[in-house]
């Protein structure tokens, strides 16, 4: 592996790791907002869209699950594979 290729892979690895970390920070902020501001969110969005507490909880739960899947698939798995390639060479 050439030095330019190795440097490119190391840069991509660092960027993917930062994106993965930021994705989970966003997830934790979302989770904290739902826990701490659940009633405020329900008042705003419940009246706007006619949602019950259960419906809003299901929407948030599914959204957080999709977000976590996207972060893992788009950032963590490529980061891990690049890390394994760099470790092997």
PDB file of N, CA and C in Angstrom:
ATOM      1  N   UNK A   1       0.846  -1.168   0.000  1.00  0.00           N
ATOM      2  CA  UNK A   1       0.000   0.000   0.000  1.00  0.00           C
ATOM      3  C   UNK A   1       0.895   1.236   0.000  1.00  0.00           C
ATOM      4  N   UNK A   2       0.588   2.162  -0.893  1.00  0.00           N
ATOM      5  CA  UNK A   2       1.412   3.371  -0.990  1.00  0.00           C
ATOM      6  C   UNK A   2       1.128   4.316   0.172  1.00  0.00           C
ATOM      7  N   UNK A   3       2.029   5.239   0.373  1.00  0.00           N
ATOM      8  CA  UNK A   3       1.869   6.204   1.465  1.00  0.00           C
ATOM      9  C   UNK A   3       0.651   7.092   1.261  1.00  0.00           C
ATOM     10  N   UNK A   4       0.382   7.468  -0.003  1.00  0.00           N
ATOM     11  CA  UNK A   4      -0.774   8.327  -0.287  1.00  0.00           C
ATOM     12  C   UNK A   4      -2.081   7.598   0.016  1.00  0.00           C
ATOM     13  N   UNK A   5      -2.135   6.315  -0.338  1.00  0.00           N
ATOM     14  CA  UNK A   5      -3.334   5.522  -0.058  1.00  0.00           C
ATOM     15  C   UNK A   5      -3.521   5.352   1.437  1.00  0.00           C
ATOM     16  N   UNK A   6      -2.439   5.060   2.135  1.00  0.00           N
ATOM     17  CA  UNK A   6      -2.521   4.893   3.589  1.00  0.00           C
ATOM     18  C   UNK A   6      -2.974   6.194   4.266  1.00  0.00           C
ATOM     19  N   UNK A   7      -2.425   7.314   3.809  1.00  0.00           N
ATOM     20  CA  UNK A   7      -2.815   8.610   4.383  1.00  0.00           C
ATOM     21  C   UNK A   7      -4.291   8.908   4.117  1.00  0.00           C
ATOM     22  N   UNK A   8      -4.760   8.586   2.912  1.00  0.00           N
ATOM     23  CA  UNK A   8      -6.169   8.786   2.579  1.00  0.00           C
ATOM     24  C   UNK A   8      -7.065   7.918   3.454  1.00  0.00           C
ATOM     25  N   UNK A   9      -6.690   6.658   3.641  1.00  0.00           N
ATOM     26  CA  UNK A   9      -7.482   5.762   4.489  1.00  0.00           C
ATOM     27  C   UNK A   9      -7.477   6.215   5.950  1.00  0.00           C
ATOM     28  N   UNK A  10      -6.350   6.699   6.435  1.00  0.00           N
ATOM     29  CA  UNK A  10      -6.292   7.198   7.809  1.00  0.00           C
ATOM     30  C   UNK A  10      -7.171   8.431   7.985  1.00  0.00           C
ATOM     31  N   UNK A  11      -7.180   9.312   6.991  1.00  0.00           N
ATOM     32  CA  UNK A  11      -8.048  10.495   7.053  1.00  0.00           C
ATOM     33  C   UNK A  11      -9.513  10.084   7.020  1.00  0.00           C
ATOM     34  N   UNK A  12      -9.855   9.159   6.133  1.00  0.00           N
ATOM     35  CA  UNK A  12     -11.245   8.678   6.065  1.00  0.00           C
ATOM     36  C   UNK A  12     -11.642   8.009   7.371  1.00  0.00           C
ATOM     37  N   UNK A  13     -10.739   7.238   7.952  1.00  0.00           N
ATOM     38  CA  UNK A  13     -11.015   6.581   9.231  1.00  0.00           C
ATOM     39  C   UNK A  13     -11.300   7.611  10.317  1.00  0.00           C
ATOM     40  N   UNK A  14     -10.492   8.665  10.373  1.00  0.00           N
ATOM     41  CA  UNK A  14     -10.696   9.701  11.387  1.00  0.00           C
ATOM     42  C   UNK A  14     -12.016  10.440  11.187  1.00  0.00           C
ATOM     43  N   UNK A  15     -12.344  10.740   9.942  1.00  0.00           N
ATOM     44  CA  UNK A  15     -13.608  11.436   9.649  1.00  0.00           C
ATOM     45  C   UNK A  15     -14.798  10.557  10.016  1.00  0.00           C
ATOM     46  N   UNK A  16     -14.742   9.280   9.644  1.00  0.00           N
ATOM     47  CA  UNK A  16     -15.843   8.365   9.961  1.00  0.00           C
ATOM     48  C   UNK A  16     -16.015   8.191  11.459  1.00  0.00           C
ATOM     49  N   UNK A  17     -14.905   8.146  12.200  1.00  0.00           N
ATOM     50  CA  UNK A  17     -15.005   8.018  13.657  1.00  0.00           C
ATOM     51  C   UNK A  17     -15.662   9.251  14.275  1.00  0.00           C
ATOM     52  N   UNK A  18     -15.302  10.425  13.777  1.00  0.00           N
ATOM     53  CA  UNK A  18     -15.914  11.654  14.287  1.00  0.00           C
ATOM     54  C   UNK A  18     -17.408  11.712  13.951  1.00  0.00           C
ATOM     55  N   UNK A  19     -17.756  11.279  12.751  1.00  0.00           N
ATOM     56  CA  UNK A  19     -19.172  11.252  12.358  1.00  0.00           C
ATOM     57  C   UNK A  19     -19.949  10.266  13.208  1.00  0.00           C
ATOM     58  N   UNK A  20     -19.350   9.102  13.486  1.00  0.00           N
ATOM     59  CA  UNK A  20     -19.999   8.099  14.316  1.00  0.00           C
ATOM     60  C   UNK A  20     -20.218   8.643  15.732  1.00  0.00           C
ATOM     61  N   UNK A  21     -19.205   9.284  16.277  1.00  0.00           N
ATOM     62  CA  UNK A  21     -19.323   9.870  17.612  1.00  0.00           C
ATOM     63  C   UNK A  21     -20.391  10.961  17.635  1.00  0.00           C
ATOM     64  N   UNK A  22     -20.374  11.840  16.654  1.00  0.00           N
ATOM     65  CA  UNK A  22     -21.366  12.912  16.588  1.00  0.00           C
ATOM     66  C   UNK A  22     -22.780  12.362  16.415  1.00  0.00           C
ATOM     67  N   UNK A  23     -22.927  11.304  15.648  1.00  0.00           N
ATOM     68  CA  UNK A  23     -24.233  10.681  15.476  1.00  0.00           C
ATOM     69  C   UNK A  23     -24.802  10.174  16.787  1.00  0.00           C
ATOM     70  N   UNK A  24     -23.947   9.573  17.625  1.00  0.00           N
ATOM     71  CA  UNK A  24     -24.428   9.098  18.913  1.00  0.00           C
ATOM     72  C   UNK A  24     -24.642  10.233  19.912  1.00  0.00           C
ATOM     73  N   UNK A  25     -23.886  11.310  19.781  1.00  0.00           N
ATOM     74  CA  UNK A  25     -24.145  12.496  20.618  1.00  0.00           C
ATOM     75  C   UNK A  25     -25.537  13.051  20.301  1.00  0.00           C
ATOM     76  N   UNK A  26     -25.861  13.129  19.011  1.00  0.00           N
ATOM     77  CA  UNK A  26     -27.197  13.591  18.604  1.00  0.00           C
ATOM     78  C   UNK A  26     -28.268  12.655  19.160  1.00  0.00           C
ATOM     79  N   UNK A  27     -28.016  11.358  19.119  1.00  0.00           N
ATOM     80  CA  UNK A  27     -28.980  10.388  19.649  1.00  0.00           C
ATOM     81  C   UNK A  27     -29.191  10.584  21.151  1.00  0.00           C
ATOM     82  N   UNK A  28     -28.110  10.799  21.899  1.00  0.00           N
ATOM     83  CA  UNK A  28     -28.242  11.011  23.336  1.00  0.00           C
ATOM     84  C   UNK A  28     -28.945  12.330  23.657  1.00  0.00           C
ATOM     85  N   UNK A  29     -28.704  13.365  22.872  1.00  0.00           N
ATOM     86  CA  UNK A  29     -29.412  14.638  23.068  1.00  0.00           C
ATOM     87  C   UNK A  29     -30.894  14.456  22.794  1.00  0.00           C
ATOM     88  N   UNK A  30     -31.217  13.717  21.737  1.00  0.00           N
ATOM     89  CA  UNK A  30     -32.608  13.428  21.401  1.00  0.00           C
ATOM     90  C   UNK A  30     -33.277  12.666  22.545  1.00  0.00           C
ATOM     91  N   UNK A  31     -32.576  11.646  23.059  1.00  0.00           N
ATOM     92  CA  UNK A  31     -33.107  10.847  24.158  1.00  0.00           C
ATOM     93  C   UNK A  31     -33.334  11.713  25.405  1.00  0.00           C
ATOM     94  N   UNK A  32     -32.372  12.568  25.721  1.00  0.00           N
ATOM     95  CA  UNK A  32     -32.506  13.449  26.887  1.00  0.00           C
ATOM     96  C   UNK A  32     -33.647  14.436  26.698  1.00  0.00           C
ATOM     97  N   UNK A  33     -33.810  14.948  25.494  1.00  0.00           N
ATOM     98  CA  UNK A  33     -34.908  15.883  25.229  1.00  0.00           C
ATOM     99  C   UNK A  33     -36.259  15.203  25.413  1.00  0.00           C
ATOM    100  N   UNK A  34     -36.372  13.968  24.956  1.00  0.00           N
ATOM    101  CA  UNK A  34     -37.636  13.238  25.120  1.00  0.00           C
ATOM    102  C   UNK A  34     -37.891  12.963  26.600  1.00  0.00           C
ATOM    103  N   UNK A  35     -36.852  12.618  27.344  1.00  0.00           N
ATOM    104  CA  UNK A  35     -37.033  12.339  28.770  1.00  0.00           C
ATOM    105  C   UNK A  35     -37.370  13.601  29.563  1.00  0.00           C
ATOM    106  N   UNK A  36     -36.623  14.668  29.311  1.00  0.00           N
ATOM    107  CA  UNK A  36     -36.775  15.873  30.128  1.00  0.00           C
ATOM    108  C   UNK A  36     -37.905  16.788  29.644  1.00  0.00           C
ATOM    109  N   UNK A  37     -38.137  16.831  28.350  1.00  0.00           N
ATOM    110  CA  UNK A  37     -39.121  17.757  27.793  1.00  0.00           C
ATOM    111  C   UNK A  37     -40.290  17.037  27.131  1.00  0.00           C
ATOM    112  N   UNK A  38     -40.568  15.817  27.568  1.00  0.00           N
ATOM    113  CA  UNK A  38     -41.613  15.014  26.939  1.00  0.00           C
ATOM    114  C   UNK A  38     -42.972  15.683  26.929  1.00  0.00           C
ATOM    115  N   UNK A  39     -43.330  16.310  28.044  1.00  0.00           N
ATOM    116  CA  UNK A  39     -44.647  16.959  28.125  1.00  0.00           C
ATOM    117  C   UNK A  39     -44.727  18.186  27.224  1.00  0.00           C
ATOM    118  N   UNK A  40     -43.656  18.944  27.155  1.00  0.00           N
ATOM    119  CA  UNK A  40     -43.628  20.122  26.276  1.00  0.00           C
ATOM    120  C   UNK A  40     -43.743  19.691  24.822  1.00  0.00           C
ATOM    121  N   UNK A  41     -42.991  18.665  24.454  1.00  0.00           N
ATOM    122  CA  UNK A  41     -43.046  18.154  23.083  1.00  0.00           C
ATOM    123  C   UNK A  41     -44.442  17.632  22.774  1.00  0.00           C
ATOM    124  N   UNK A  42     -45.042  16.932  23.733  1.00  0.00           N
ATOM    125  CA  UNK A  42     -46.398  16.415  23.534  1.00  0.00           C
ATOM    126  C   UNK A  42     -47.399  17.545  23.362  1.00  0.00           C
ATOM    127  N   UNK A  43     -47.277  18.593  24.163  1.00  0.00           N
ATOM    128  CA  UNK A  43     -48.200  19.725  24.034  1.00  0.00           C
ATOM    129  C   UNK A  43     -48.086  20.395  22.671  1.00  0.00           C
ATOM    130  N   UNK A  44     -46.863  20.579  22.191  1.00  0.00           N
ATOM    131  CA  UNK A  44     -46.656  21.253  20.908  1.00  0.00           C
ATOM    132  C   UNK A  44     -47.108  20.363  19.757  1.00  0.00           C
ATOM    133  N   UNK A  45     -46.563  19.167  19.679  1.00  0.00           N
ATOM    134  CA  UNK A  45     -46.830  18.311  18.534  1.00  0.00           C
ATOM    135  C   UNK A  45     -48.169  17.580  18.645  1.00  0.00           C
ATOM    136  N   UNK A  46     -48.587  17.304  19.870  1.00  0.00           N
ATOM    137  CA  UNK A  46     -49.881  16.652  20.047  1.00  0.00           C
ATOM    138  C   UNK A  46     -51.022  17.522  19.566  1.00  0.00           C
ATOM    139  N   UNK A  47     -50.960  18.789  19.902  1.00  0.00           N
ATOM    140  CA  UNK A  47     -52.022  19.696  19.452  1.00  0.00           C
ATOM    141  C   UNK A  47     -51.903  20.014  17.967  1.00  0.00           C
ATOM    142  N   UNK A  48     -50.678  20.037  17.454  1.00  0.00           N
ATOM    143  CA  UNK A  48     -50.472  20.360  16.045  1.00  0.00           C
ATOM    144  C   UNK A  48     -50.956  19.240  15.124  1.00  0.00           C
ATOM    145  N   UNK A  49     -50.658  17.990  15.505  1.00  0.00           N
ATOM    146  CA  UNK A  49     -50.957  16.851  14.639  1.00  0.00           C
ATOM    147  C   UNK A  49     -51.984  15.891  15.221  1.00  0.00           C
ATOM    148  N   UNK A  50     -52.522  16.191  16.388  1.00  0.00           N
ATOM    149  CA  UNK A  50     -53.517  15.328  16.998  1.00  0.00           C
ATOM    150  C   UNK A  50     -52.951  13.986  17.442  1.00  0.00           C
ATOM    151  N   UNK A  51     -51.756  13.999  18.027  1.00  0.00           N
ATOM    152  CA  UNK A  51     -51.096  12.767  18.443  1.00  0.00           C
ATOM    153  C   UNK A  51     -51.301  12.515  19.925  1.00  0.00           C
ATOM    154  N   UNK A  52     -51.489  11.250  20.268  1.00  0.00           N
ATOM    155  CA  UNK A  52     -51.540  10.884  21.679  1.00  0.00           C
ATOM    156  C   UNK A  52     -50.107  10.674  22.177  1.00  0.00           C
ATOM    157  N   UNK A  53     -49.963  10.538  23.502  1.00  0.00           N
ATOM    158  CA  UNK A  53     -48.631  10.316  24.075  1.00  0.00           C
ATOM    159  C   UNK A  53     -48.035   9.022  23.546  1.00  0.00           C
ATOM    160  N   UNK A  54     -48.851   7.991  23.454  1.00  0.00           N
ATOM    161  CA  UNK A  54     -48.365   6.703  22.959  1.00  0.00           C
ATOM    162  C   UNK A  54     -47.889   6.810  21.506  1.00  0.00           C
ATOM    163  N   UNK A  55     -48.643   7.485  20.670  1.00  0.00           N
ATOM    164  CA  UNK A  55     -48.254   7.640  19.262  1.00  0.00           C
ATOM    165  C   UNK A  55     -46.945   8.413  19.133  1.00  0.00           C
ATOM    166  N   UNK A  56     -46.806   9.459  19.922  1.00  0.00           N
ATOM    167  CA  UNK A  56     -45.571  10.247  19.889  1.00  0.00           C
ATOM    168  C   UNK A  56     -44.384   9.427  20.387  1.00  0.00           C
ATOM    169  N   UNK A  57     -44.594   8.620  21.430  1.00  0.00           N
ATOM    170  CA  UNK A  57     -43.524   7.750  21.925  1.00  0.00           C
ATOM    171  C   UNK A  57     -43.101   6.730  20.871  1.00  0.00           C
ATOM    172  N   UNK A  58     -44.068   6.159  20.151  1.00  0.00           N
ATOM    173  CA  UNK A  58     -43.749   5.192  19.093  1.00  0.00           C
ATOM    174  C   UNK A  58     -42.959   5.871  17.976  1.00  0.00           C
ATOM    175  N   UNK A  59     -43.361   7.076  17.597  1.00  0.00           N
ATOM    176  CA  UNK A  59     -42.647   7.814  16.557  1.00  0.00           C
ATOM    177  C   UNK A  59     -41.206   8.091  16.988  1.00  0.00           C
ATOM    178  N   UNK A  60     -41.017   8.552  18.228  1.00  0.00           N
ATOM    179  CA  UNK A  60     -39.670   8.820  18.719  1.00  0.00           C
ATOM    180  C   UNK A  60     -38.841   7.548  18.816  1.00  0.00           C
ATOM    181  N   UNK A  61     -39.445   6.462  19.307  1.00  0.00           N
ATOM    182  CA  UNK A  61     -38.725   5.202  19.445  1.00  0.00           C
ATOM    183  C   UNK A  61     -38.269   4.688  18.079  1.00  0.00           C
ATOM    184  N   UNK A  62     -39.157   4.719  17.104  1.00  0.00           N
ATOM    185  CA  UNK A  62     -38.804   4.273  15.752  1.00  0.00           C
ATOM    186  C   UNK A  62     -37.772   5.203  15.119  1.00  0.00           C
ATOM    187  N   UNK A  63     -37.927   6.491  15.322  1.00  0.00           N
ATOM    188  CA  UNK A  63     -36.966   7.449  14.780  1.00  0.00           C
ATOM    189  C   UNK A  63     -35.584   7.255  15.359  1.00  0.00           C
ATOM    190  N   UNK A  64     -35.501   7.044  16.680  1.00  0.00           N
ATOM    191  CA  UNK A  64     -34.199   6.819  17.307  1.00  0.00           C
ATOM    192  C   UNK A  64     -33.583   5.510  16.823  1.00  0.00           C
ATOM    193  N   UNK A  65     -34.405   4.498  16.635  1.00  0.00           N
ATOM    194  CA  UNK A  65     -33.894   3.230  16.127  1.00  0.00           C
ATOM    195  C   UNK A  65     -33.355   3.361  14.709  1.00  0.00           C
ATOM    196  N   UNK A  66     -34.089   4.066  13.865  1.00  0.00           N
ATOM    197  CA  UNK A  66     -33.618   4.287  12.493  1.00  0.00           C
ATOM    198  C   UNK A  66     -32.344   5.131  12.474  1.00  0.00           C
ATOM    199  N   UNK A  67     -32.291   6.143  13.325  1.00  0.00           N
ATOM    200  CA  UNK A  67     -31.100   6.987  13.403  1.00  0.00           C
ATOM    201  C   UNK A  67     -29.887   6.144  13.803  1.00  0.00           C
ATOM    202  N   UNK A  68     -30.064   5.295  14.839  1.00  0.00           N
ATOM    203  CA  UNK A  68     -28.961   4.470  15.305  1.00  0.00           C
ATOM    204  C   UNK A  68     -28.505   3.499  14.214  1.00  0.00           C
ATOM    205  N   UNK A  69     -29.458   2.887  13.516  1.00  0.00           N
ATOM    206  CA  UNK A  69     -29.112   1.989  12.412  1.00  0.00           C
ATOM    207  C   UNK A  69     -28.344   2.714  11.312  1.00  0.00           C
ATOM    208  N   UNK A  70     -28.792   3.908  10.966  1.00  0.00           N
ATOM    209  CA  UNK A  70     -28.129   4.680   9.917  1.00  0.00           C
ATOM    210  C   UNK A  70     -26.714   5.062  10.332  1.00  0.00           C
ATOM    211  N   UNK A  71     -26.541   5.479  11.571  1.00  0.00           N
ATOM    212  CA  UNK A  71     -25.210   5.857  12.057  1.00  0.00           C
ATOM    213  C   UNK A  71     -24.283   4.650  12.055  1.00  0.00           C
ATOM    214  N   UNK A  72     -24.784   3.511  12.502  1.00  0.00           N
ATOM    215  CA  UNK A  72     -23.951   2.311  12.509  1.00  0.00           C
ATOM    216  C   UNK A  72     -23.601   1.861  11.099  1.00  0.00           C
ATOM    217  N   UNK A  73     -24.593   1.862  10.206  1.00  0.00           N
ATOM    218  CA  UNK A  73     -24.360   1.374   8.845  1.00  0.00           C
ATOM    219  C   UNK A  73     -23.502   2.327   8.026  1.00  0.00           C
ATOM    220  N   UNK A  74     -23.686   3.608   8.201  1.00  0.00           N
ATOM    221  CA  UNK A  74     -22.986   4.589   7.357  1.00  0.00           C
ATOM    222  C   UNK A  74     -21.623   5.004   7.903  1.00  0.00           C
ATOM    223  N   UNK A  75     -21.423   4.906   9.213  1.00  0.00           N
ATOM    224  CA  UNK A  75     -20.177   5.408   9.793  1.00  0.00           C
ATOM    225  C   UNK A  75     -19.374   4.341  10.535  1.00  0.00           C
ATOM    226  N   UNK A  76     -20.025   3.552  11.381  1.00  0.00           N
ATOM    227  CA  UNK A  76     -19.274   2.604  12.199  1.00  0.00           C
ATOM    228  C   UNK A  76     -18.716   1.441  11.388  1.00  0.00           C
ATOM    229  N   UNK A  77     -19.527   0.830  10.547  1.00  0.00           N
ATOM    230  CA  UNK A  77     -19.069  -0.325   9.767  1.00  0.00           C
ATOM    231  C   UNK A  77     -17.952   0.067   8.798  1.00  0.00           C
ATOM    232  N   UNK A  78     -18.076   1.183   8.049  1.00  0.00           N
ATOM    233  CA  UNK A  78     -16.926   1.582   7.213  1.00  0.00           C
ATOM    234  C   UNK A  78     -15.680   1.923   8.033  1.00  0.00           C
ATOM    235  N   UNK A  79     -15.857   2.572   9.191  1.00  0.00           N
ATOM    236  CA  UNK A  79     -14.719   2.887  10.058  1.00  0.00           C
ATOM    237  C   UNK A  79     -14.021   1.614  10.504  1.00  0.00           C
ATOM    238  N   UNK A  80     -14.805   0.634  10.916  1.00  0.00           N
ATOM    239  CA  UNK A  80     -14.246  -0.625  11.384  1.00  0.00           C
ATOM    240  C   UNK A  80     -13.517  -1.366  10.266  1.00  0.00           C
ATOM    241  N   UNK A  81     -14.081  -1.377   9.080  1.00  0.00           N
ATOM    242  CA  UNK A  81     -13.438  -2.076   7.970  1.00  0.00           C
ATOM    243  C   UNK A  81     -12.144  -1.370   7.545  1.00  0.00           C
ATOM    244  N   UNK A  82     -12.131  -0.049   7.517  1.00  0.00           N
ATOM    245  CA  UNK A  82     -10.896   0.674   7.200  1.00  0.00           C
ATOM    246  C   UNK A  82      -9.848   0.426   8.268  1.00  0.00           C
ATOM    247  N   UNK A  83     -10.278   0.407   9.513  1.00  0.00           N
ATOM    248  CA  UNK A  83      -9.357   0.142  10.627  1.00  0.00           C
ATOM    249  C   UNK A  83      -8.733  -1.245  10.498  1.00  0.00           C
ATOM    250  N   UNK A  84      -9.553  -2.229  10.106  1.00  0.00           N
ATOM    251  CA  UNK A  84      -9.030  -3.585   9.939  1.00  0.00           C
ATOM    252  C   UNK A  84      -8.046  -3.663   8.768  1.00  0.00           C
ATOM    253  N   UNK A  85      -8.331  -2.954   7.686  1.00  0.00           N
ATOM    254  CA  UNK A  85      -7.428  -2.938   6.525  1.00  0.00           C
ATOM    255  C   UNK A  85      -6.098  -2.293   6.907  1.00  0.00           C
ATOM    256  N   UNK A  86      -6.150  -1.184   7.619  1.00  0.00           N
ATOM    257  CA  UNK A  86      -4.906  -0.511   8.026  1.00  0.00           C
ATOM    258  C   UNK A  86      -4.110  -1.341   9.011  1.00  0.00           C
ATOM    259  N   UNK A  87      -4.809  -2.068   9.882  1.00  0.00           N
ATOM    260  CA  UNK A  87      -4.111  -2.900  10.865  1.00  0.00           C
ATOM    261  C   UNK A  87      -3.430  -4.082  10.183  1.00  0.00           C
ATOM    262  N   UNK A  88      -4.064  -4.613   9.139  1.00  0.00           N
ATOM    263  CA  UNK A  88      -3.506  -5.759   8.424  1.00  0.00           C
ATOM    264  C   UNK A  88      -2.261  -5.402   7.629  1.00  0.00           C
ATOM    265  N   UNK A  89      -2.237  -4.201   7.090  1.00  0.00           N
ATOM    266  CA  UNK A  89      -1.090  -3.846   6.237  1.00  0.00           C
ATOM    267  C   UNK A  89       0.056  -3.231   7.015  1.00  0.00           C
TER     268      UNK A  89
END
